[in-house]
Amino acid sequence: MITIKEVTTKREMKQFVLFQFSLYKDNKYWVPPIIKDEINNFDSKKNPVFKNAQAQYFLAYKNNKIVGRIVAIINQYEIQQQNIKKMRFGWFDVIDDIAVTKKLLEKVEEIGKANNLEYIEGPVGFNNLDKTGVLIEGFNELGTMITWYNHPYYKDHLEQLGFTKEKEYLENKFKFKNVNIPYYKRIATILKKRLNVKPLNFNKTKDILPYVDEMFNVFDKSYSKLSSFVPISEAQKNYFKKKYISFINPEYIKFVVDSDNKLIAFAIVMPSFSLALQKAKGKLFPFGIFHLLKAKKHAKDVTFYLIGVDPKYQNKGVTAVIFDEFAKIFSEKGIVNCIRTPELEDNTAISKIWEDFNPVIYKRRRTYKKQIKA
C-alpha cells in the first residue's frame, strides 16, 4: 500500500532531503547538495521566494519505507500578474514504481484543482534561478550543482501518466581550446571603441556587490520574453548576494558598462564543484568545506552560470568583450572544459553566442505538462 504524507516537522524535512541520498547511492553521476543549504532553501523564514510563492512537501511511503518525494508549488506572481494558471512541481524523486509517481502527482493535481489552476508543469523550481527539467539524455554524464539528476525511468513514468513535453532544455559543453583567443581579442578591441563600452574585472567580492542589483535588472530584460520568465524580487536579489556571490571567484564575474558606467552585459562563471560535492557527501564539516575550497581554486572545468545582455546591445557582439576577458583568466588557470547551464532549445539569441566554440549537446532535459481535470 502506498501512502502520501505531507512534511510538517523538521525531522520529516530532513528525511525529505536525505531521500535522494539513498535513491542515488553509489551513482557516480549524481551530485549531492549540501544538506543544510537544501533544508534552508525550503524554509519560508529564510528564503524570500516565499513572499510570492507557497510550497507543500510530500513523501510517499510503501511498507513504511520512503519511496518518493515531491514539492507542490504555487507562484503567486505567475498567477496574479501574468495570468498563468500553472501548478508547479519540483524536487521530484521516486523509485521505479509508476504507482508511486501517480500518487505523488495526484496530490499536486489535487492542490492545483483546489486553487482553480488549469495545468501542472514540472519539474521546475520556485522561479527561474532554480533547477529545472527532468533529464532525458545524458544519464552517464556528471551532473552539476545547479541541475537535477534523475534515473531514466522518470520520463517514462510521466509520459505513461499522460504528461506531455512542455519545454526542452539543452546542456552544452566545449573545450576551452576551441576558443579563438586572438580573434576575440581583436573583435573586443574594435567593439570597445565602436560601442564606447568597457569591461569591469574584479579581484575582491566587496567590489562586485554595488553592481548586483543592476546585474539582475539586465538579467530580467534579457529573459523577459521567454515563456519560463518570472521576475526576481528585491528580497531574492539580496538573498542571492548573501548565498552565492561570496562563494564565486570574483575573477569569474565579468561586467560590461557603457560610457555612463551603466551595466549593459554580464556573465558569471563558477568553477565546477561537482567532484568536490561528491566528496563532501552533503556536509560542509568537518572536511566538505576543504574539498569545495580546493575546487574553487583549482578546478579545471567551469560552468557558465548566468549570462545576460541588455536587449539594446544584443546582436552587436558585446559578448566578445566578455569572452576576451574570460580567455585571459581561463588561460592563466589552465581551464579545460566550459559547461553551460540548461538553456531553452528555442532561445536562439543565447545559442548564437556560443556557436563559434563548437559546443556539443551532451544532455537534454524537459518539463512536462498536464491539464488539470475540472
Protein backbone atom coordinates (compact mmCIF):
# COMPACT_ATOMS: atom_id res chain seq x y z
CA MET A 1 0.00 0.00 0.00
CA ILE A 2 1.25 3.49 -0.92
CA THR A 3 0.54 6.43 1.34
CA ILE A 4 1.33 10.11 0.81
CA LYS A 5 2.17 12.23 3.83
CA GLU A 6 2.77 15.96 3.97
CA VAL A 7 6.04 17.06 5.58
CA THR A 8 5.25 19.03 8.73
CA THR A 9 8.22 18.59 11.07
CA LYS A 10 11.96 19.29 10.96
CA ARG A 11 12.64 15.57 11.18
CA GLU A 12 10.43 14.87 8.17
CA MET A 13 12.05 17.70 6.21
CA LYS A 14 15.45 16.16 6.83
CA GLN A 15 14.08 12.82 5.62
CA PHE A 16 12.69 14.63 2.56
CA VAL A 17 16.16 15.96 1.72
CA LEU A 18 18.00 12.74 2.56
CA PHE A 19 15.78 10.50 0.39
CA GLN A 20 17.80 11.36 -2.71
CA PHE A 21 20.98 10.19 -0.96
CA SER A 22 19.59 6.67 -0.70
CA LEU A 23 17.99 6.73 -4.17
CA TYR A 24 21.27 7.68 -5.89
CA LYS A 25 23.64 5.87 -3.56
CA ASP A 26 26.71 4.66 -5.47
CA ASN A 27 25.62 6.57 -8.62
CA LYS A 28 28.82 8.20 -9.87
CA TYR A 29 26.98 10.84 -11.93
CA TRP A 30 24.70 12.27 -9.24
CA VAL A 31 25.96 15.41 -7.46
CA PRO A 32 24.56 15.76 -3.92
CA PRO A 33 23.52 19.11 -2.47
CA ILE A 34 24.73 20.42 0.85
CA ILE A 35 22.05 19.10 3.20
CA LYS A 36 21.87 22.21 5.38
CA ASP A 37 21.57 24.52 2.34
CA GLU A 38 18.80 22.38 0.88
CA ILE A 39 16.82 22.46 4.13
CA ASN A 40 17.26 26.25 4.38
CA ASN A 41 16.10 26.63 0.79
CA PHE A 42 12.75 25.13 1.82
CA ASP A 43 12.43 27.33 4.92
CA SER A 44 9.89 30.11 4.38
CA LYS A 45 11.60 32.19 7.08
CA LYS A 46 14.94 32.07 5.27
CA ASN A 47 14.15 32.00 1.56
CA PRO A 48 12.47 35.22 0.32
CA VAL A 49 10.94 33.42 -2.67
CA PHE A 50 8.09 32.52 -0.32
CA LYS A 51 6.89 36.13 -0.30
CA ASN A 52 5.45 35.32 -3.72
CA ALA A 53 5.12 31.56 -3.57
CA GLN A 54 3.71 28.73 -1.47
CA ALA A 55 5.02 25.20 -1.28
CA GLN A 56 3.91 21.94 0.23
CA TYR A 57 6.24 18.98 0.61
CA PHE A 58 5.15 15.35 0.36
CA LEU A 59 6.76 11.99 1.00
CA ALA A 60 5.49 8.71 -0.41
CA TYR A 61 5.66 5.60 1.78
CA LYS A 62 5.40 1.94 0.82
CA ASN A 63 5.64 -0.73 3.51
CA ASN A 64 6.66 2.03 5.95
CA LYS A 65 9.64 2.97 3.77
CA ILE A 66 10.10 6.30 1.96
CA VAL A 67 9.88 5.65 -1.79
CA GLY A 68 9.27 9.10 -3.29
CA ARG A 69 9.08 12.84 -2.72
CA ILE A 70 7.67 15.94 -4.42
CA VAL A 71 7.17 19.67 -3.83
CA ALA A 72 3.87 21.24 -4.90
CA ILE A 73 4.45 24.93 -5.73
CA ILE A 74 2.19 27.89 -6.43
CA ASN A 75 3.93 31.03 -7.71
CA GLN A 76 1.53 33.89 -7.00
CA TYR A 77 3.30 36.38 -9.28
CA GLU A 78 2.89 33.98 -12.19
CA ILE A 79 -0.81 33.53 -11.47
CA GLN A 80 -1.83 37.06 -10.48
CA GLN A 81 0.46 39.23 -12.61
CA GLN A 82 0.96 37.05 -15.68
CA ASN A 83 -2.41 35.24 -15.56
CA ILE A 84 -0.67 31.89 -15.99
CA LYS A 85 -2.79 29.36 -14.12
CA LYS A 86 0.04 26.93 -13.51
CA MET A 87 0.57 24.44 -10.71
CA ARG A 88 4.26 23.71 -10.37
CA PHE A 89 6.02 20.64 -9.05
CA GLY A 90 9.69 20.15 -8.32
CA TRP A 91 12.27 18.24 -6.30
CA PHE A 92 10.63 15.12 -7.66
CA ASP A 93 12.36 11.82 -6.90
CA VAL A 94 10.88 8.34 -6.92
CA ILE A 95 11.71 4.65 -7.08
CA ASP A 96 10.90 2.81 -10.30
CA ASP A 97 7.24 2.26 -9.43
CA ILE A 98 4.78 4.20 -11.55
CA ALA A 99 2.09 3.74 -8.90
CA VAL A 100 4.18 5.87 -6.52
CA THR A 101 4.68 8.55 -9.17
CA LYS A 102 0.95 8.55 -9.85
CA LYS A 103 0.09 9.07 -6.19
CA LEU A 104 2.56 11.94 -5.80
CA LEU A 105 1.34 13.74 -8.92
CA GLU A 106 -2.29 13.23 -7.94
CA LYS A 107 -1.53 15.14 -4.76
CA VAL A 108 -0.11 18.02 -6.82
CA GLU A 109 -3.16 17.97 -9.10
CA GLU A 110 -5.46 17.99 -6.07
CA ILE A 111 -3.83 21.19 -4.80
CA GLY A 112 -3.96 22.76 -8.25
CA LYS A 113 -7.63 21.95 -8.61
CA ALA A 114 -8.43 23.38 -5.16
CA ASN A 115 -6.74 26.64 -6.25
CA ASN A 116 -8.57 26.79 -9.61
CA LEU A 117 -5.41 26.29 -11.64
CA GLU A 118 -5.51 24.94 -15.18
CA TYR A 119 -2.46 22.75 -15.62
CA ILE A 120 0.56 21.19 -13.93
CA GLU A 121 4.12 21.71 -15.10
CA GLY A 122 7.33 20.28 -13.78
CA PRO A 123 9.79 19.53 -12.59
CA VAL A 124 10.54 23.21 -12.01
CA GLY A 125 11.64 25.25 -9.02
CA PHE A 126 10.15 28.30 -7.35
CA ASN A 127 11.46 30.67 -10.05
CA ASN A 128 13.89 30.79 -12.98
CA LEU A 129 17.00 30.81 -10.80
CA ASP A 130 16.12 27.33 -9.56
CA LYS A 131 16.85 23.96 -11.10
CA THR A 132 14.53 22.83 -13.85
CA GLY A 133 13.64 19.85 -16.01
CA VAL A 134 13.78 16.07 -15.87
CA LEU A 135 16.87 14.61 -17.52
CA ILE A 136 16.01 12.69 -20.70
CA GLU A 137 19.51 12.29 -22.22
CA GLY A 138 22.96 12.29 -20.66
CA PHE A 139 22.50 9.90 -17.75
CA ASN A 140 26.15 8.85 -17.97
CA GLU A 141 27.44 12.41 -17.66
CA LEU A 142 28.47 14.03 -14.41
CA GLY A 143 25.80 16.32 -13.00
CA THR A 144 26.32 19.86 -11.75
CA MET A 145 25.38 21.68 -8.57
CA ILE A 146 22.78 23.70 -10.46
CA THR A 147 20.88 20.88 -12.16
CA TRP A 148 18.82 17.90 -11.04
CA TYR A 149 19.93 14.38 -11.84
CA ASN A 150 17.41 11.56 -12.22
CA HIS A 151 17.08 7.96 -13.33
CA PRO A 152 15.98 7.26 -16.95
CA TYR A 153 12.55 5.95 -15.91
CA TYR A 154 11.29 9.37 -14.73
CA LYS A 155 10.49 10.37 -18.31
CA ASP A 156 8.66 7.09 -18.91
CA HIS A 157 6.56 7.47 -15.77
CA LEU A 158 5.47 10.99 -16.71
CA GLU A 159 4.60 10.11 -20.30
CA GLN A 160 2.69 6.97 -19.30
CA LEU A 161 0.65 9.11 -16.90
CA GLY A 162 -0.42 11.47 -19.69
CA PHE A 163 2.12 14.24 -19.28
CA THR A 164 3.41 15.80 -22.50
CA LYS A 165 6.51 17.80 -23.35
CA GLU A 166 6.21 21.48 -22.45
CA LYS A 167 9.75 22.88 -22.69
CA GLU A 168 13.05 21.33 -23.68
CA TYR A 169 16.43 22.45 -22.41
CA LEU A 170 19.84 21.75 -23.90
CA GLU A 171 23.08 21.44 -21.99
CA ASN A 172 26.24 22.04 -23.99
CA LYS A 173 29.93 21.96 -23.28
CA PHE A 174 33.00 22.89 -25.25
CA LYS A 175 36.76 22.72 -24.87
CA PHE A 176 38.37 25.99 -23.92
CA LYS A 177 40.95 25.30 -26.62
CA ASN A 178 38.12 25.79 -29.15
CA VAL A 179 38.07 29.49 -28.31
CA ASN A 180 39.96 31.55 -30.87
CA ILE A 181 41.67 33.87 -28.39
CA PRO A 182 43.35 36.22 -30.91
CA TYR A 183 40.04 36.63 -32.76
CA TYR A 184 38.13 37.65 -29.63
CA LYS A 185 40.90 39.97 -28.57
CA ARG A 186 40.75 41.72 -31.96
CA ILE A 187 36.93 41.90 -32.04
CA ALA A 188 36.75 43.10 -28.43
CA THR A 189 39.20 45.90 -29.17
CA ILE A 190 37.08 47.06 -32.13
CA LEU A 191 33.80 46.83 -30.24
CA LYS A 192 35.03 48.68 -27.18
CA LYS A 193 35.82 51.65 -29.42
CA ARG A 194 32.77 51.36 -31.68
CA LEU A 195 30.21 50.93 -28.88
CA ASN A 196 32.11 53.01 -26.34
CA VAL A 197 31.95 50.24 -23.73
CA LYS A 198 34.48 48.77 -21.33
CA PRO A 199 34.83 45.61 -19.22
CA LEU A 200 34.90 45.55 -15.44
CA ASN A 201 37.08 42.96 -13.73
CA PHE A 202 37.27 42.17 -10.03
CA ASN A 203 39.67 40.74 -7.50
CA LYS A 204 37.54 41.34 -4.41
CA THR A 205 33.96 40.31 -3.76
CA LYS A 206 33.11 43.57 -1.99
CA ASP A 207 33.77 45.47 -5.23
CA ILE A 208 31.14 43.40 -7.06
CA LEU A 209 28.25 43.95 -4.65
CA PRO A 210 27.33 47.52 -5.76
CA TYR A 211 26.59 46.16 -9.26
CA VAL A 212 24.49 43.12 -8.34
CA ASP A 213 21.11 44.89 -8.45
CA GLU A 214 21.95 46.30 -11.87
CA MET A 215 23.05 42.85 -12.97
CA PHE A 216 19.64 41.40 -12.14
CA ASN A 217 17.93 44.25 -13.97
CA VAL A 218 19.88 43.28 -17.08
CA PHE A 219 19.05 39.63 -16.42
CA ASP A 220 15.32 40.42 -16.26
CA LYS A 221 15.49 42.40 -19.51
CA SER A 222 17.44 39.61 -21.23
CA TYR A 223 14.99 36.84 -20.38
CA SER A 224 11.63 38.64 -20.09
CA LYS A 225 10.39 37.38 -23.47
CA LEU A 226 10.94 33.72 -22.62
CA SER A 227 7.93 31.61 -21.68
CA SER A 228 9.53 30.50 -18.40
CA PHE A 229 10.25 34.03 -17.17
CA VAL A 230 9.33 35.08 -13.64
CA PRO A 231 10.92 38.33 -12.35
CA ILE A 232 13.32 38.26 -9.42
CA SER A 233 12.21 40.29 -6.40
CA GLU A 234 14.43 42.68 -4.44
CA ALA A 235 14.41 40.29 -1.49
CA GLN A 236 15.56 37.45 -3.73
CA LYS A 237 18.38 39.59 -5.11
CA ASN A 238 19.62 40.23 -1.58
CA TYR A 239 19.32 36.52 -0.79
CA PHE A 240 21.37 35.69 -3.87
CA LYS A 241 24.07 38.16 -2.83
CA LYS A 242 24.45 36.57 0.57
CA LYS A 243 24.20 32.96 -0.59
CA TYR A 244 26.21 32.92 -3.81
CA ILE A 245 28.27 36.00 -4.60
CA SER A 246 30.75 35.45 -1.78
CA PHE A 247 31.20 31.84 -2.92
CA ILE A 248 32.03 32.67 -6.55
CA ASN A 249 35.58 33.58 -7.55
CA PRO A 250 35.49 37.36 -8.08
CA GLU A 251 37.68 37.00 -11.16
CA TYR A 252 34.95 34.80 -12.68
CA ILE A 253 32.39 37.61 -12.68
CA LYS A 254 32.62 39.91 -15.71
CA PHE A 255 30.61 43.06 -16.37
CA VAL A 256 30.47 45.38 -19.37
CA VAL A 257 29.43 49.02 -18.90
CA ASP A 258 28.64 51.83 -21.31
CA SER A 259 30.11 55.35 -21.41
CA ASP A 260 27.90 56.36 -18.45
CA ASN A 261 29.18 53.41 -16.41
CA LYS A 262 25.78 51.72 -16.73
CA LEU A 263 25.81 47.94 -16.81
CA ILE A 264 24.82 46.51 -20.21
CA ALA A 265 26.09 42.93 -20.06
CA PHE A 266 27.40 40.40 -17.57
CA ALA A 267 28.46 36.81 -17.16
CA ILE A 268 29.01 34.70 -14.07
CA VAL A 269 31.13 31.58 -14.28
CA MET A 270 31.59 29.09 -11.47
CA PRO A 271 34.36 26.56 -11.03
CA SER A 272 32.94 23.05 -11.22
CA PHE A 273 32.11 21.90 -7.69
CA SER A 274 30.69 18.54 -8.83
CA LEU A 275 33.53 16.28 -7.72
CA ALA A 276 34.02 18.30 -4.52
CA LEU A 277 30.34 17.94 -3.64
CA GLN A 278 30.51 14.20 -4.22
CA LYS A 279 33.42 14.01 -1.80
CA ALA A 280 31.61 16.25 0.72
CA LYS A 281 28.63 13.83 0.76
CA GLY A 282 26.18 16.58 1.72
CA LYS A 283 28.15 18.03 4.61
CA LEU A 284 30.41 21.07 4.84
CA PHE A 285 32.06 19.93 8.03
CA PRO A 286 34.45 18.62 9.02
CA PHE A 287 36.01 18.02 5.58
CA GLY A 288 33.50 19.09 2.93
CA ILE A 289 34.48 22.76 3.05
CA PHE A 290 38.08 21.88 2.20
CA HIS A 291 37.02 19.96 -0.91
CA LEU A 292 34.93 22.95 -2.04
CA LEU A 293 37.66 25.49 -1.37
CA LYS A 294 40.14 23.35 -3.28
CA ALA A 295 37.75 23.19 -6.23
CA LYS A 296 37.22 26.94 -6.08
CA LYS A 297 40.94 27.48 -6.56
CA HIS A 298 41.99 24.58 -8.73
CA ALA A 299 39.03 23.18 -10.75
CA LYS A 300 39.89 22.82 -14.44
CA ASP A 301 36.26 22.82 -15.55
CA VAL A 302 33.97 25.86 -15.29
CA THR A 303 30.21 26.31 -15.59
CA PHE A 304 28.68 29.37 -17.22
CA TYR A 305 26.03 30.06 -14.59
CA LEU A 306 24.34 33.29 -15.73
CA ILE A 307 24.79 35.47 -18.77
CA GLY A 308 22.74 38.45 -19.86
CA VAL A 309 22.88 41.28 -22.36
CA ASP A 310 20.64 44.34 -22.40
CA PRO A 311 18.32 43.97 -25.44
CA LYS A 312 19.64 47.27 -26.82
CA TYR A 313 23.05 45.63 -27.19
CA GLN A 314 22.01 42.16 -28.27
CA ASN A 315 23.28 41.12 -31.71
CA LYS A 316 26.03 43.73 -31.52
CA GLY A 317 28.75 41.31 -30.44
CA VAL A 318 29.19 42.70 -26.95
CA THR A 319 29.70 39.17 -25.60
CA ALA A 320 33.05 39.19 -27.41
CA VAL A 321 34.23 41.68 -24.81
CA ILE A 322 33.20 39.28 -22.04
CA PHE A 323 34.83 36.26 -23.69
CA ASP A 324 38.03 38.18 -24.25
CA GLU A 325 38.24 38.85 -20.50
CA PHE A 326 37.41 35.25 -19.62
CA ALA A 327 40.02 33.99 -22.08
CA LYS A 328 42.72 35.78 -20.12
CA ILE A 329 41.78 34.27 -16.75
CA PHE A 330 41.00 30.81 -18.20
CA SER A 331 44.41 30.67 -19.87
CA GLU A 332 46.06 31.65 -16.62
CA LYS A 333 44.20 28.96 -14.65
CA GLY A 334 44.53 26.20 -17.26
CA ILE A 335 40.80 25.70 -17.77
CA VAL A 336 39.95 22.66 -19.92
CA ASN A 337 36.15 22.38 -20.23
CA CYS A 338 33.45 25.04 -20.35
CA ILE A 339 30.00 23.82 -19.36
CA ARG A 340 26.74 25.66 -19.99
CA THR A 341 23.69 25.60 -17.78
CA PRO A 342 20.42 24.35 -19.32
CA GLU A 343 19.08 26.72 -21.95
CA LEU A 344 15.73 26.59 -23.73
CA GLU A 345 16.05 24.98 -27.13
CA ASP A 346 14.15 27.91 -28.70
CA ASN A 347 16.41 30.57 -27.13
CA THR A 348 18.16 31.39 -30.39
CA ALA A 349 19.72 34.61 -29.05
CA ILE A 350 21.69 32.63 -26.48
CA SER A 351 22.62 29.78 -28.83
CA LYS A 352 24.18 32.25 -31.28
CA ILE A 353 26.54 33.44 -28.55
CA TRP A 354 28.19 30.02 -28.37
CA GLU A 355 28.15 28.78 -31.96
CA ASP A 356 31.78 29.71 -32.69
CA PHE A 357 33.02 27.42 -29.90
CA ASN A 358 31.81 24.15 -31.50
CA PRO A 359 29.65 23.22 -28.50
CA VAL A 360 28.48 19.64 -28.05
CA ILE A 361 24.98 18.90 -26.74
CA TYR A 362 25.64 16.32 -24.04
CA LYS A 363 22.41 16.46 -22.04
CA ARG A 364 18.75 17.21 -22.65
CA ARG A 365 16.03 17.80 -20.11
CA ARG A 366 12.34 18.61 -20.26
CA THR A 367 9.49 19.95 -18.26
CA TYR A 368 6.22 18.11 -18.65
CA LYS A 369 2.67 19.43 -18.66
CA LYS A 370 -0.77 18.01 -17.97
CA GLN A 371 -4.18 19.69 -17.83
CA ILE A 372 -5.98 19.63 -14.51
CA LYS A 373 -9.34 17.95 -14.85
CA ALA A 374 -12.28 20.19 -14.00
